[in-house]
Amino acid sequence: METSNNYNINILDLPDEILLAVFNKLNMVDAFYSLVYANKRFNRLTLNPFYIHNLDLAVKRLLLQQVSPLDTQEIDTICKKILPRIHHHIYKLTVPSYVIECIININYPELQSLSLVNFE
């Protein structure tokens, strides 16, 4: 007699703490792009103040420790849809020079550190 244990486990079955641990291993820009509008729970977890307090818009990390600058579509989406929702939770912000116009008009009441990358 063959016994088969067919368990259908979904990522949504994981507790919030485990999902946040996984999200912390992801590049924040990729997490914003992939998870914020996936469902209400991912939206809430991805925009969690403990997750977003240090926002780096200068580069995104790729596989094998490679880095790449953000493209204009990613910057545009983050500036128009994400920053207005999280600006009050950001303590540290790292931006390249081509993003400065996007971020300058937003108030960051908790900002303690602003790093400008490739600023001339």
PDB file of N, CA and C in Angstrom:
ATOM      1  N   MET A   1       0.832  -1.169   0.000  1.00  0.00           N
ATOM      2  CA  MET A   1       0.000   0.000   0.000  1.00  0.00           C
ATOM      3  C   MET A   1       0.884   1.242   0.000  1.00  0.00           C
ATOM      4  N   GLU A   2       0.608   2.084  -0.930  1.00  0.00           N
ATOM      5  CA  GLU A   2       1.397   3.311  -1.057  1.00  0.00           C
ATOM      6  C   GLU A   2       0.678   4.442  -0.340  1.00  0.00           C
ATOM      7  N   THR A   3       1.405   5.074   0.528  1.00  0.00           N
ATOM      8  CA  THR A   3       0.829   6.244   1.192  1.00  0.00           C
ATOM      9  C   THR A   3       1.519   7.476   0.659  1.00  0.00           C
ATOM     10  N   SER A   4       0.749   8.383   0.272  1.00  0.00           N
ATOM     11  CA  SER A   4       1.286   9.613  -0.299  1.00  0.00           C
ATOM     12  C   SER A   4       0.779  10.796   0.520  1.00  0.00           C
ATOM     13  N   ASN A   5       1.714  11.598   0.943  1.00  0.00           N
ATOM     14  CA  ASN A   5       1.349  12.811   1.672  1.00  0.00           C
ATOM     15  C   ASN A   5       1.422  13.984   0.712  1.00  0.00           C
ATOM     16  N   ASN A   6       0.317  14.371   0.230  1.00  0.00           N
ATOM     17  CA  ASN A   6       0.264  15.517  -0.675  1.00  0.00           C
ATOM     18  C   ASN A   6      -0.132  16.752   0.120  1.00  0.00           C
ATOM     19  N   TYR A   7       0.880  17.531   0.442  1.00  0.00           N
ATOM     20  CA  TYR A   7       0.631  18.773   1.152  1.00  0.00           C
ATOM     21  C   TYR A   7       0.783  19.919   0.175  1.00  0.00           C
ATOM     22  N   ASN A   8      -0.221  20.686   0.063  1.00  0.00           N
ATOM     23  CA  ASN A   8      -0.152  21.874  -0.774  1.00  0.00           C
ATOM     24  C   ASN A   8       0.158  23.057   0.121  1.00  0.00           C
ATOM     25  N   ILE A   9       1.412  23.466   0.103  1.00  0.00           N
ATOM     26  CA  ILE A   9       1.835  24.582   0.928  1.00  0.00           C
ATOM     27  C   ILE A   9       2.019  25.791   0.031  1.00  0.00           C
ATOM     28  N   ASN A  10       1.479  26.882   0.462  1.00  0.00           N
ATOM     29  CA  ASN A  10       1.536  28.124  -0.283  1.00  0.00           C
ATOM     30  C   ASN A  10       2.368  29.120   0.517  1.00  0.00           C
ATOM     31  N   ILE A  11       3.042  30.021  -0.167  1.00  0.00           N
ATOM     32  CA  ILE A  11       3.839  31.036   0.530  1.00  0.00           C
ATOM     33  C   ILE A  11       2.974  31.865   1.478  1.00  0.00           C
ATOM     34  N   LEU A  12       1.714  32.003   1.154  1.00  0.00           N
ATOM     35  CA  LEU A  12       0.811  32.766   2.012  1.00  0.00           C
ATOM     36  C   LEU A  12       0.490  32.043   3.317  1.00  0.00           C
ATOM     37  N   ASP A  13       0.850  30.757   3.405  1.00  0.00           N
ATOM     38  CA  ASP A  13       0.653  30.009   4.643  1.00  0.00           C
ATOM     39  C   ASP A  13       1.719  30.332   5.684  1.00  0.00           C
ATOM     40  N   LEU A  14       2.818  30.952   5.261  1.00  0.00           N
ATOM     41  CA  LEU A  14       3.909  31.275   6.181  1.00  0.00           C
ATOM     42  C   LEU A  14       3.522  32.444   7.081  1.00  0.00           C
ATOM     43  N   PRO A  15       4.024  32.451   8.313  1.00  0.00           N
ATOM     44  CA  PRO A  15       3.737  33.585   9.202  1.00  0.00           C
ATOM     45  C   PRO A  15       4.470  34.847   8.746  1.00  0.00           C
ATOM     46  N   ASP A  16       3.971  35.984   9.175  1.00  0.00           N
ATOM     47  CA  ASP A  16       4.555  37.271   8.789  1.00  0.00           C
ATOM     48  C   ASP A  16       6.042  37.350   9.100  1.00  0.00           C
ATOM     49  N   GLU A  17       6.454  36.823  10.238  1.00  0.00           N
ATOM     50  CA  GLU A  17       7.862  36.902  10.641  1.00  0.00           C
ATOM     51  C   GLU A  17       8.770  36.195   9.644  1.00  0.00           C
ATOM     52  N   ILE A  18       8.331  35.054   9.134  1.00  0.00           N
ATOM     53  CA  ILE A  18       9.128  34.316   8.144  1.00  0.00           C
ATOM     54  C   ILE A  18       9.155  35.085   6.828  1.00  0.00           C
ATOM     55  N   LEU A  19       8.022  35.602   6.418  1.00  0.00           N
ATOM     56  CA  LEU A  19       7.981  36.380   5.176  1.00  0.00           C
ATOM     57  C   LEU A  19       8.873  37.612   5.267  1.00  0.00           C
ATOM     58  N   LEU A  20       8.865  38.307   6.404  1.00  0.00           N
ATOM     59  CA  LEU A  20       9.738  39.471   6.565  1.00  0.00           C
ATOM     60  C   LEU A  20      11.206  39.071   6.508  1.00  0.00           C
ATOM     61  N   ALA A  21      11.544  37.915   7.055  1.00  0.00           N
ATOM     62  CA  ALA A  21      12.927  37.427   6.980  1.00  0.00           C
ATOM     63  C   ALA A  21      13.315  37.162   5.529  1.00  0.00           C
ATOM     64  N   VAL A  22      12.405  36.616   4.753  1.00  0.00           N
ATOM     65  CA  VAL A  22      12.659  36.387   3.328  1.00  0.00           C
ATOM     66  C   VAL A  22      12.770  37.722   2.601  1.00  0.00           C
ATOM     67  N   PHE A  23      11.861  38.645   2.862  1.00  0.00           N
ATOM     68  CA  PHE A  23      11.881  39.951   2.207  1.00  0.00           C
ATOM     69  C   PHE A  23      13.174  40.700   2.500  1.00  0.00           C
ATOM     70  N   ASN A  24      13.713  40.528   3.700  1.00  0.00           N
ATOM     71  CA  ASN A  24      14.964  41.202   4.062  1.00  0.00           C
ATOM     72  C   ASN A  24      16.150  40.706   3.249  1.00  0.00           C
ATOM     73  N   LYS A  25      16.024  39.535   2.655  1.00  0.00           N
ATOM     74  CA  LYS A  25      17.084  38.998   1.799  1.00  0.00           C
ATOM     75  C   LYS A  25      16.958  39.502   0.359  1.00  0.00           C
ATOM     76  N   LEU A  26      15.819  40.081   0.042  1.00  0.00           N
ATOM     77  CA  LEU A  26      15.576  40.588  -1.312  1.00  0.00           C
ATOM     78  C   LEU A  26      16.080  42.015  -1.449  1.00  0.00           C
ATOM     79  N   ASN A  27      16.372  42.389  -2.668  1.00  0.00           N
ATOM     80  CA  ASN A  27      16.662  43.784  -2.961  1.00  0.00           C
ATOM     81  C   ASN A  27      15.373  44.564  -2.764  1.00  0.00           C
ATOM     82  N   MET A  28      15.440  45.679  -2.075  1.00  0.00           N
ATOM     83  CA  MET A  28      14.242  46.437  -1.737  1.00  0.00           C
ATOM     84  C   MET A  28      13.492  46.922  -2.982  1.00  0.00           C
ATOM     85  N   VAL A  29      14.208  47.360  -3.988  1.00  0.00           N
ATOM     86  CA  VAL A  29      13.545  47.831  -5.209  1.00  0.00           C
ATOM     87  C   VAL A  29      12.785  46.685  -5.865  1.00  0.00           C
ATOM     88  N   ASP A  30      13.404  45.514  -5.933  1.00  0.00           N
ATOM     89  CA  ASP A  30      12.718  44.355  -6.497  1.00  0.00           C
ATOM     90  C   ASP A  30      11.505  43.976  -5.656  1.00  0.00           C
ATOM     91  N   ALA A  31      11.644  44.074  -4.349  1.00  0.00           N
ATOM     92  CA  ALA A  31      10.516  43.767  -3.465  1.00  0.00           C
ATOM     93  C   ALA A  31       9.368  44.747  -3.707  1.00  0.00           C
ATOM     94  N   PHE A  32       9.692  46.036  -3.815  1.00  0.00           N
ATOM     95  CA  PHE A  32       8.653  47.024  -4.117  1.00  0.00           C
ATOM     96  C   PHE A  32       7.962  46.684  -5.428  1.00  0.00           C
ATOM     97  N   TYR A  33       8.757  46.429  -6.426  1.00  0.00           N
ATOM     98  CA  TYR A  33       8.229  46.175  -7.757  1.00  0.00           C
ATOM     99  C   TYR A  33       7.393  44.901  -7.820  1.00  0.00           C
ATOM    100  N   SER A  34       7.806  43.881  -7.090  1.00  0.00           N
ATOM    101  CA  SER A  34       7.164  42.576  -7.193  1.00  0.00           C
ATOM    102  C   SER A  34       6.062  42.334  -6.175  1.00  0.00           C
ATOM    103  N   LEU A  35       6.180  42.932  -5.005  1.00  0.00           N
ATOM    104  CA  LEU A  35       5.313  42.526  -3.904  1.00  0.00           C
ATOM    105  C   LEU A  35       4.294  43.552  -3.444  1.00  0.00           C
ATOM    106  N   VAL A  36       4.564  44.831  -3.630  1.00  0.00           N
ATOM    107  CA  VAL A  36       3.681  45.856  -3.067  1.00  0.00           C
ATOM    108  C   VAL A  36       2.247  45.706  -3.553  1.00  0.00           C
ATOM    109  N   TYR A  37       2.060  45.448  -4.805  1.00  0.00           N
ATOM    110  CA  TYR A  37       0.703  45.358  -5.330  1.00  0.00           C
ATOM    111  C   TYR A  37       0.261  43.918  -5.589  1.00  0.00           C
ATOM    112  N   ALA A  38       1.005  42.932  -5.066  1.00  0.00           N
ATOM    113  CA  ALA A  38       0.649  41.529  -5.278  1.00  0.00           C
ATOM    114  C   ALA A  38      -0.637  41.166  -4.532  1.00  0.00           C
ATOM    115  N   ASN A  39      -0.701  41.527  -3.268  1.00  0.00           N
ATOM    116  CA  ASN A  39      -1.910  41.330  -2.466  1.00  0.00           C
ATOM    117  C   ASN A  39      -1.807  42.219  -1.229  1.00  0.00           C
ATOM    118  N   LYS A  40      -2.877  42.317  -0.478  1.00  0.00           N
ATOM    119  CA  LYS A  40      -2.900  43.234   0.672  1.00  0.00           C
ATOM    120  C   LYS A  40      -1.858  42.868   1.721  1.00  0.00           C
ATOM    121  N   ARG A  41      -1.657  41.597   1.950  1.00  0.00           N
ATOM    122  CA  ARG A  41      -0.698  41.179   2.976  1.00  0.00           C
ATOM    123  C   ARG A  41       0.732  41.516   2.567  1.00  0.00           C
ATOM    124  N   PHE A  42       1.111  41.193   1.344  1.00  0.00           N
ATOM    125  CA  PHE A  42       2.454  41.534   0.871  1.00  0.00           C
ATOM    126  C   PHE A  42       2.639  43.045   0.847  1.00  0.00           C
ATOM    127  N   ASN A  43       1.619  43.762   0.469  1.00  0.00           N
ATOM    128  CA  ASN A  43       1.663  45.222   0.475  1.00  0.00           C
ATOM    129  C   ASN A  43       1.975  45.737   1.881  1.00  0.00           C
ATOM    130  N   ARG A  44       1.259  45.233   2.866  1.00  0.00           N
ATOM    131  CA  ARG A  44       1.457  45.652   4.259  1.00  0.00           C
ATOM    132  C   ARG A  44       2.858  45.285   4.750  1.00  0.00           C
ATOM    133  N   LEU A  45       3.313  44.085   4.442  1.00  0.00           N
ATOM    134  CA  LEU A  45       4.627  43.641   4.913  1.00  0.00           C
ATOM    135  C   LEU A  45       5.766  44.370   4.213  1.00  0.00           C
ATOM    136  N   THR A  46       5.635  44.579   2.922  1.00  0.00           N
ATOM    137  CA  THR A  46       6.693  45.252   2.166  1.00  0.00           C
ATOM    138  C   THR A  46       6.822  46.708   2.578  1.00  0.00           C
ATOM    139  N   LEU A  47       5.735  47.336   2.947  1.00  0.00           N
ATOM    140  CA  LEU A  47       5.766  48.734   3.367  1.00  0.00           C
ATOM    141  C   LEU A  47       5.900  48.874   4.884  1.00  0.00           C
ATOM    142  N   ASN A  48       6.290  47.815   5.543  1.00  0.00           N
ATOM    143  CA  ASN A  48       6.517  47.802   6.984  1.00  0.00           C
ATOM    144  C   ASN A  48       7.637  48.780   7.338  1.00  0.00           C
ATOM    145  N   PRO A  49       7.446  49.658   8.320  1.00  0.00           N
ATOM    146  CA  PRO A  49       8.469  50.651   8.677  1.00  0.00           C
ATOM    147  C   PRO A  49       9.826  50.047   9.034  1.00  0.00           C
ATOM    148  N   PHE A  50       9.842  48.858   9.600  1.00  0.00           N
ATOM    149  CA  PHE A  50      11.116  48.230   9.948  1.00  0.00           C
ATOM    150  C   PHE A  50      11.853  47.730   8.714  1.00  0.00           C
ATOM    151  N   TYR A  51      11.120  47.485   7.645  1.00  0.00           N
ATOM    152  CA  TYR A  51      11.716  46.998   6.410  1.00  0.00           C
ATOM    153  C   TYR A  51      12.216  48.149   5.539  1.00  0.00           C
ATOM    154  N   ILE A  52      11.549  49.273   5.566  1.00  0.00           N
ATOM    155  CA  ILE A  52      11.844  50.349   4.616  1.00  0.00           C
ATOM    156  C   ILE A  52      12.639  51.506   5.190  1.00  0.00           C
ATOM    157  N   HIS A  53      13.104  51.431   6.402  1.00  0.00           N
ATOM    158  CA  HIS A  53      13.768  52.577   7.032  1.00  0.00           C
ATOM    159  C   HIS A  53      15.050  53.008   6.322  1.00  0.00           C
ATOM    160  N   ASN A  54      15.702  52.119   5.602  1.00  0.00           N
ATOM    161  CA  ASN A  54      16.938  52.430   4.888  1.00  0.00           C
ATOM    162  C   ASN A  54      16.700  52.178   3.403  1.00  0.00           C
ATOM    163  N   LEU A  55      16.464  53.223   2.650  1.00  0.00           N
ATOM    164  CA  LEU A  55      16.112  53.075   1.239  1.00  0.00           C
ATOM    165  C   LEU A  55      17.276  53.478   0.353  1.00  0.00           C
ATOM    166  N   ASP A  56      17.740  52.541  -0.459  1.00  0.00           N
ATOM    167  CA  ASP A  56      18.856  52.772  -1.379  1.00  0.00           C
ATOM    168  C   ASP A  56      18.329  52.742  -2.807  1.00  0.00           C
ATOM    169  N   LEU A  57      18.277  53.905  -3.438  1.00  0.00           N
ATOM    170  CA  LEU A  57      17.818  53.998  -4.823  1.00  0.00           C
ATOM    171  C   LEU A  57      18.980  54.111  -5.801  1.00  0.00           C
ATOM    172  N   ALA A  58      20.199  53.953  -5.318  1.00  0.00           N
ATOM    173  CA  ALA A  58      21.370  54.118  -6.178  1.00  0.00           C
ATOM    174  C   ALA A  58      21.595  52.913  -7.079  1.00  0.00           C
ATOM    175  N   VAL A  59      21.487  51.730  -6.527  1.00  0.00           N
ATOM    176  CA  VAL A  59      21.740  50.522  -7.318  1.00  0.00           C
ATOM    177  C   VAL A  59      20.808  49.414  -6.869  1.00  0.00           C
ATOM    178  N   LYS A  60      20.633  48.463  -7.745  1.00  0.00           N
ATOM    179  CA  LYS A  60      19.955  47.242  -7.332  1.00  0.00           C
ATOM    180  C   LYS A  60      20.963  46.109  -7.443  1.00  0.00           C
ATOM    181  N   ARG A  61      20.910  45.224  -6.506  1.00  0.00           N
ATOM    182  CA  ARG A  61      21.833  44.106  -6.497  1.00  0.00           C
ATOM    183  C   ARG A  61      21.269  42.966  -7.323  1.00  0.00           C
ATOM    184  N   LEU A  62      22.109  42.422  -8.154  1.00  0.00           N
ATOM    185  CA  LEU A  62      21.712  41.313  -9.001  1.00  0.00           C
ATOM    186  C   LEU A  62      22.339  40.034  -8.463  1.00  0.00           C
ATOM    187  N   LEU A  63      22.123  38.954  -9.162  1.00  0.00           N
ATOM    188  CA  LEU A  63      22.744  37.698  -8.770  1.00  0.00           C
ATOM    189  C   LEU A  63      24.255  37.812  -8.825  1.00  0.00           C
ATOM    190  N   LEU A  64      24.922  37.007  -8.050  1.00  0.00           N
ATOM    191  CA  LEU A  64      26.387  36.933  -8.031  1.00  0.00           C
ATOM    192  C   LEU A  64      27.039  38.242  -7.621  1.00  0.00           C
ATOM    193  N   GLN A  65      26.383  38.982  -6.737  1.00  0.00           N
ATOM    194  CA  GLN A  65      26.928  40.213  -6.162  1.00  0.00           C
ATOM    195  C   GLN A  65      27.165  41.325  -7.190  1.00  0.00           C
ATOM    196  N   GLN A  66      26.544  41.260  -8.331  1.00  0.00           N
ATOM    197  CA  GLN A  66      26.659  42.330  -9.320  1.00  0.00           C
ATOM    198  C   GLN A  66      25.676  43.439  -8.956  1.00  0.00           C
ATOM    199  N   VAL A  67      25.992  44.649  -9.390  1.00  0.00           N
ATOM    200  CA  VAL A  67      25.086  45.766  -9.155  1.00  0.00           C
ATOM    201  C   VAL A  67      24.746  46.434 -10.476  1.00  0.00           C
ATOM    202  N   SER A  68      23.615  47.080 -10.493  1.00  0.00           N
ATOM    203  CA  SER A  68      23.141  47.751 -11.697  1.00  0.00           C
ATOM    204  C   SER A  68      22.361  48.990 -11.270  1.00  0.00           C
ATOM    205  N   PRO A  69      22.480  50.091 -12.015  1.00  0.00           N
ATOM    206  CA  PRO A  69      21.659  51.261 -11.673  1.00  0.00           C
ATOM    207  C   PRO A  69      20.187  50.975 -11.968  1.00  0.00           C
ATOM    208  N   LEU A  70      19.327  51.648 -11.255  1.00  0.00           N
ATOM    209  CA  LEU A  70      17.897  51.507 -11.506  1.00  0.00           C
ATOM    210  C   LEU A  70      17.555  52.142 -12.842  1.00  0.00           C
ATOM    211  N   ASP A  71      16.601  51.558 -13.537  1.00  0.00           N
ATOM    212  CA  ASP A  71      16.199  52.174 -14.798  1.00  0.00           C
ATOM    213  C   ASP A  71      15.129  53.229 -14.532  1.00  0.00           C
ATOM    214  N   THR A  72      14.840  54.032 -15.532  1.00  0.00           N
ATOM    215  CA  THR A  72      13.929  55.165 -15.346  1.00  0.00           C
ATOM    216  C   THR A  72      12.512  54.728 -14.985  1.00  0.00           C
ATOM    217  N   GLN A  73      12.072  53.588 -15.492  1.00  0.00           N
ATOM    218  CA  GLN A  73      10.731  53.104 -15.153  1.00  0.00           C
ATOM    219  C   GLN A  73      10.653  52.717 -13.678  1.00  0.00           C
ATOM    220  N   GLU A  74      11.691  52.075 -13.165  1.00  0.00           N
ATOM    221  CA  GLU A  74      11.717  51.719 -11.745  1.00  0.00           C
ATOM    222  C   GLU A  74      11.712  52.971 -10.874  1.00  0.00           C
ATOM    223  N   ILE A  75      12.544  53.939 -11.230  1.00  0.00           N
ATOM    224  CA  ILE A  75      12.608  55.197 -10.478  1.00  0.00           C
ATOM    225  C   ILE A  75      11.258  55.903 -10.515  1.00  0.00           C
ATOM    226  N   ASP A  76      10.667  55.974 -11.683  1.00  0.00           N
ATOM    227  CA  ASP A  76       9.383  56.651 -11.836  1.00  0.00           C
ATOM    228  C   ASP A  76       8.300  56.008 -10.965  1.00  0.00           C
ATOM    229  N   THR A  77       8.238  54.695 -10.978  1.00  0.00           N
ATOM    230  CA  THR A  77       7.249  53.984 -10.170  1.00  0.00           C
ATOM    231  C   THR A  77       7.479  54.212  -8.683  1.00  0.00           C
ATOM    232  N   ILE A  78       8.725  54.123  -8.254  1.00  0.00           N
ATOM    233  CA  ILE A  78       9.030  54.324  -6.837  1.00  0.00           C
ATOM    234  C   ILE A  78       8.709  55.752  -6.417  1.00  0.00           C
ATOM    235  N   CYS A  79       9.084  56.718  -7.241  1.00  0.00           N
ATOM    236  CA  CYS A  79       8.850  58.122  -6.888  1.00  0.00           C
ATOM    237  C   CYS A  79       7.372  58.489  -6.863  1.00  0.00           C
ATOM    238  N   LYS A  80       6.608  57.962  -7.784  1.00  0.00           N
ATOM    239  CA  LYS A  80       5.203  58.350  -7.881  1.00  0.00           C
ATOM    240  C   LYS A  80       4.262  57.506  -7.033  1.00  0.00           C
ATOM    241  N   LYS A  81       4.594  56.223  -6.848  1.00  0.00           N
ATOM    242  CA  LYS A  81       3.651  55.339  -6.171  1.00  0.00           C
ATOM    243  C   LYS A  81       4.104  54.856  -4.799  1.00  0.00           C
ATOM    244  N   ILE A  82       5.407  54.730  -4.600  1.00  0.00           N
ATOM    245  CA  ILE A  82       5.894  54.156  -3.344  1.00  0.00           C
ATOM    246  C   ILE A  82       6.305  55.236  -2.346  1.00  0.00           C
ATOM    247  N   LEU A  83       7.159  56.172  -2.762  1.00  0.00           N
ATOM    248  CA  LEU A  83       7.651  57.206  -1.837  1.00  0.00           C
ATOM    249  C   LEU A  83       6.541  57.988  -1.138  1.00  0.00           C
ATOM    250  N   PRO A  84       5.478  58.369  -1.826  1.00  0.00           N
ATOM    251  CA  PRO A  84       4.412  59.086  -1.119  1.00  0.00           C
ATOM    252  C   PRO A  84       3.778  58.269   0.017  1.00  0.00           C
ATOM    253  N   ARG A  85       3.906  56.956  -0.042  1.00  0.00           N
ATOM    254  CA  ARG A  85       3.326  56.094   0.985  1.00  0.00           C
ATOM    255  C   ARG A  85       4.289  55.789   2.127  1.00  0.00           C
ATOM    256  N   ILE A  86       5.608  55.947   1.893  1.00  0.00           N
ATOM    257  CA  ILE A  86       6.583  55.517   2.902  1.00  0.00           C
ATOM    258  C   ILE A  86       7.501  56.626   3.390  1.00  0.00           C
ATOM    259  N   HIS A  87       7.396  57.826   2.836  1.00  0.00           N
ATOM    260  CA  HIS A  87       8.351  58.902   3.124  1.00  0.00           C
ATOM    261  C   HIS A  87       8.511  59.178   4.611  1.00  0.00           C
ATOM    262  N   HIS A  88       7.482  59.012   5.378  1.00  0.00           N
ATOM    263  CA  HIS A  88       7.526  59.315   6.811  1.00  0.00           C
ATOM    264  C   HIS A  88       8.215  58.222   7.637  1.00  0.00           C
ATOM    265  N   HIS A  89       8.621  57.120   7.005  1.00  0.00           N
ATOM    266  CA  HIS A  89       9.321  56.040   7.711  1.00  0.00           C
ATOM    267  C   HIS A  89      10.804  55.962   7.364  1.00  0.00           C
ATOM    268  N   ILE A  90      11.258  56.752   6.423  1.00  0.00           N
ATOM    269  CA  ILE A  90      12.633  56.629   5.936  1.00  0.00           C
ATOM    270  C   ILE A  90      13.596  57.388   6.847  1.00  0.00           C
ATOM    271  N   TYR A  91      14.585  56.662   7.358  1.00  0.00           N
ATOM    272  CA  TYR A  91      15.632  57.247   8.203  1.00  0.00           C
ATOM    273  C   TYR A  91      16.895  57.527   7.395  1.00  0.00           C
ATOM    274  N   LYS A  92      17.168  56.649   6.431  1.00  0.00           N
ATOM    275  CA  LYS A  92      18.377  56.785   5.623  1.00  0.00           C
ATOM    276  C   LYS A  92      17.993  56.631   4.159  1.00  0.00           C
ATOM    277  N   LEU A  93      18.463  57.574   3.341  1.00  0.00           N
ATOM    278  CA  LEU A  93      18.125  57.579   1.926  1.00  0.00           C
ATOM    279  C   LEU A  93      19.398  57.738   1.110  1.00  0.00           C
ATOM    280  N   THR A  94      19.600  56.839   0.162  1.00  0.00           N
ATOM    281  CA  THR A  94      20.751  56.895  -0.737  1.00  0.00           C
ATOM    282  C   THR A  94      20.219  57.037  -2.154  1.00  0.00           C
ATOM    283  N   VAL A  95      20.640  58.109  -2.830  1.00  0.00           N
ATOM    284  CA  VAL A  95      20.116  58.382  -4.171  1.00  0.00           C
ATOM    285  C   VAL A  95      21.231  58.799  -5.118  1.00  0.00           C
ATOM    286  N   PRO A  96      21.118  58.414  -6.379  1.00  0.00           N
ATOM    287  CA  PRO A  96      22.040  58.924  -7.397  1.00  0.00           C
ATOM    288  C   PRO A  96      21.585  60.301  -7.857  1.00  0.00           C
ATOM    289  N   SER A  97      22.440  61.001  -8.545  1.00  0.00           N
ATOM    290  CA  SER A  97      22.134  62.375  -8.954  1.00  0.00           C
ATOM    291  C   SER A  97      20.898  62.468  -9.845  1.00  0.00           C
ATOM    292  N   TYR A  98      20.660  61.471 -10.684  1.00  0.00           N
ATOM    293  CA  TYR A  98      19.527  61.559 -11.608  1.00  0.00           C
ATOM    294  C   TYR A  98      18.172  61.347 -10.917  1.00  0.00           C
ATOM    295  N   VAL A  99      18.170  61.053  -9.641  1.00  0.00           N
ATOM    296  CA  VAL A  99      16.927  60.846  -8.901  1.00  0.00           C
ATOM    297  C   VAL A  99      16.599  62.038  -8.009  1.00  0.00           C
ATOM    298  N   ILE A 100      17.500  62.964  -7.892  1.00  0.00           N
ATOM    299  CA  ILE A 100      17.356  64.053  -6.927  1.00  0.00           C
ATOM    300  C   ILE A 100      16.071  64.864  -7.148  1.00  0.00           C
ATOM    301  N   GLU A 101      15.701  65.112  -8.389  1.00  0.00           N
ATOM    302  CA  GLU A 101      14.477  65.881  -8.657  1.00  0.00           C
ATOM    303  C   GLU A 101      13.234  65.158  -8.153  1.00  0.00           C
ATOM    304  N   CYS A 102      13.268  63.870  -8.235  1.00  0.00           N
ATOM    305  CA  CYS A 102      12.132  63.053  -7.797  1.00  0.00           C
ATOM    306  C   CYS A 102      11.955  63.109  -6.287  1.00  0.00           C
ATOM    307  N   ILE A 103      13.040  63.069  -5.542  1.00  0.00           N
ATOM    308  CA  ILE A 103      12.941  62.951  -4.087  1.00  0.00           C
ATOM    309  C   ILE A 103      12.922  64.289  -3.357  1.00  0.00           C
ATOM    310  N   ILE A 104      13.341  65.349  -4.020  1.00  0.00           N
ATOM    311  CA  ILE A 104      13.533  66.631  -3.342  1.00  0.00           C
ATOM    312  C   ILE A 104      12.217  67.281  -2.893  1.00  0.00           C
ATOM    313  N   ASN A 105      11.128  66.975  -3.558  1.00  0.00           N
ATOM    314  CA  ASN A 105       9.847  67.612  -3.231  1.00  0.00           C
ATOM    315  C   ASN A 105       9.035  66.869  -2.178  1.00  0.00           C
ATOM    316  N   ILE A 106       9.630  65.854  -1.590  1.00  0.00           N
ATOM    317  CA  ILE A 106       8.929  65.057  -0.586  1.00  0.00           C
ATOM    318  C   ILE A 106       9.532  65.338   0.784  1.00  0.00           C
ATOM    319  N   ASN A 107       8.698  65.478   1.782  1.00  0.00           N
ATOM    320  CA  ASN A 107       9.150  65.701   3.153  1.00  0.00           C
ATOM    321  C   ASN A 107       9.479  64.356   3.807  1.00  0.00           C
ATOM    322  N   TYR A 108      10.642  64.270   4.430  1.00  0.00           N
ATOM    323  CA  TYR A 108      11.074  63.061   5.133  1.00  0.00           C
ATOM    324  C   TYR A 108      11.276  63.421   6.607  1.00  0.00           C
ATOM    325  N   PRO A 109      10.240  63.390   7.418  1.00  0.00           N
ATOM    326  CA  PRO A 109      10.342  63.871   8.797  1.00  0.00           C
ATOM    327  C   PRO A 109      11.300  63.069   9.674  1.00  0.00           C
ATOM    328  N   GLU A 110      11.565  61.832   9.351  1.00  0.00           N
ATOM    329  CA  GLU A 110      12.457  60.992  10.158  1.00  0.00           C
ATOM    330  C   GLU A 110      13.854  60.869   9.556  1.00  0.00           C
ATOM    331  N   LEU A 111      14.121  61.531   8.455  1.00  0.00           N
ATOM    332  CA  LEU A 111      15.400  61.379   7.753  1.00  0.00           C
ATOM    333  C   LEU A 111      16.561  61.856   8.616  1.00  0.00           C
ATOM    334  N   GLN A 112      17.538  60.973   8.788  1.00  0.00           N
ATOM    335  CA  GLN A 112      18.735  61.288   9.554  1.00  0.00           C
ATOM    336  C   GLN A 112      19.985  61.269   8.689  1.00  0.00           C
ATOM    337  N   SER A 113      19.896  60.608   7.526  1.00  0.00           N
ATOM    338  CA  SER A 113      21.065  60.489   6.662  1.00  0.00           C
ATOM    339  C   SER A 113      20.631  60.521   5.201  1.00  0.00           C
ATOM    340  N   LEU A 114      21.279  61.382   4.437  1.00  0.00           N
ATOM    341  CA  LEU A 114      21.045  61.465   3.000  1.00  0.00           C
ATOM    342  C   LEU A 114      22.385  61.301   2.312  1.00  0.00           C
ATOM    343  N   SER A 115      22.494  60.277   1.478  1.00  0.00           N
ATOM    344  CA  SER A 115      23.731  60.029   0.735  1.00  0.00           C
ATOM    345  C   SER A 115      23.470  60.265  -0.739  1.00  0.00           C
ATOM    346  N   LEU A 116      24.282  61.120  -1.334  1.00  0.00           N
ATOM    347  CA  LEU A 116      24.176  61.415  -2.757  1.00  0.00           C
ATOM    348  C   LEU A 116      25.297  60.679  -3.475  1.00  0.00           C
ATOM    349  N   VAL A 117      24.941  59.879  -4.457  1.00  0.00           N
ATOM    350  CA  VAL A 117      25.898  59.054  -5.182  1.00  0.00           C
ATOM    351  C   VAL A 117      26.091  59.625  -6.581  1.00  0.00           C
ATOM    352  N   ASN A 118      27.344  59.706  -7.007  1.00  0.00           N
ATOM    353  CA  ASN A 118      27.683  60.236  -8.340  1.00  0.00           C
ATOM    354  C   ASN A 118      27.127  61.639  -8.544  1.00  0.00           C
ATOM    355  N   PHE A 119      27.249  62.451  -7.538  1.00  0.00           N
ATOM    356  CA  PHE A 119      26.737  63.815  -7.586  1.00  0.00           C
ATOM    357  C   PHE A 119      27.866  64.749  -7.992  1.00  0.00           C
ATOM    358  N   GLU A 120      27.647  65.513  -9.037  1.00  0.00           N
ATOM    359  CA  GLU A 120      28.695  66.419  -9.534  1.00  0.00           C
ATOM    360  C   GLU A 120      28.257  67.856  -9.437  1.00  0.00           C
TER     361      GLU A 120
END
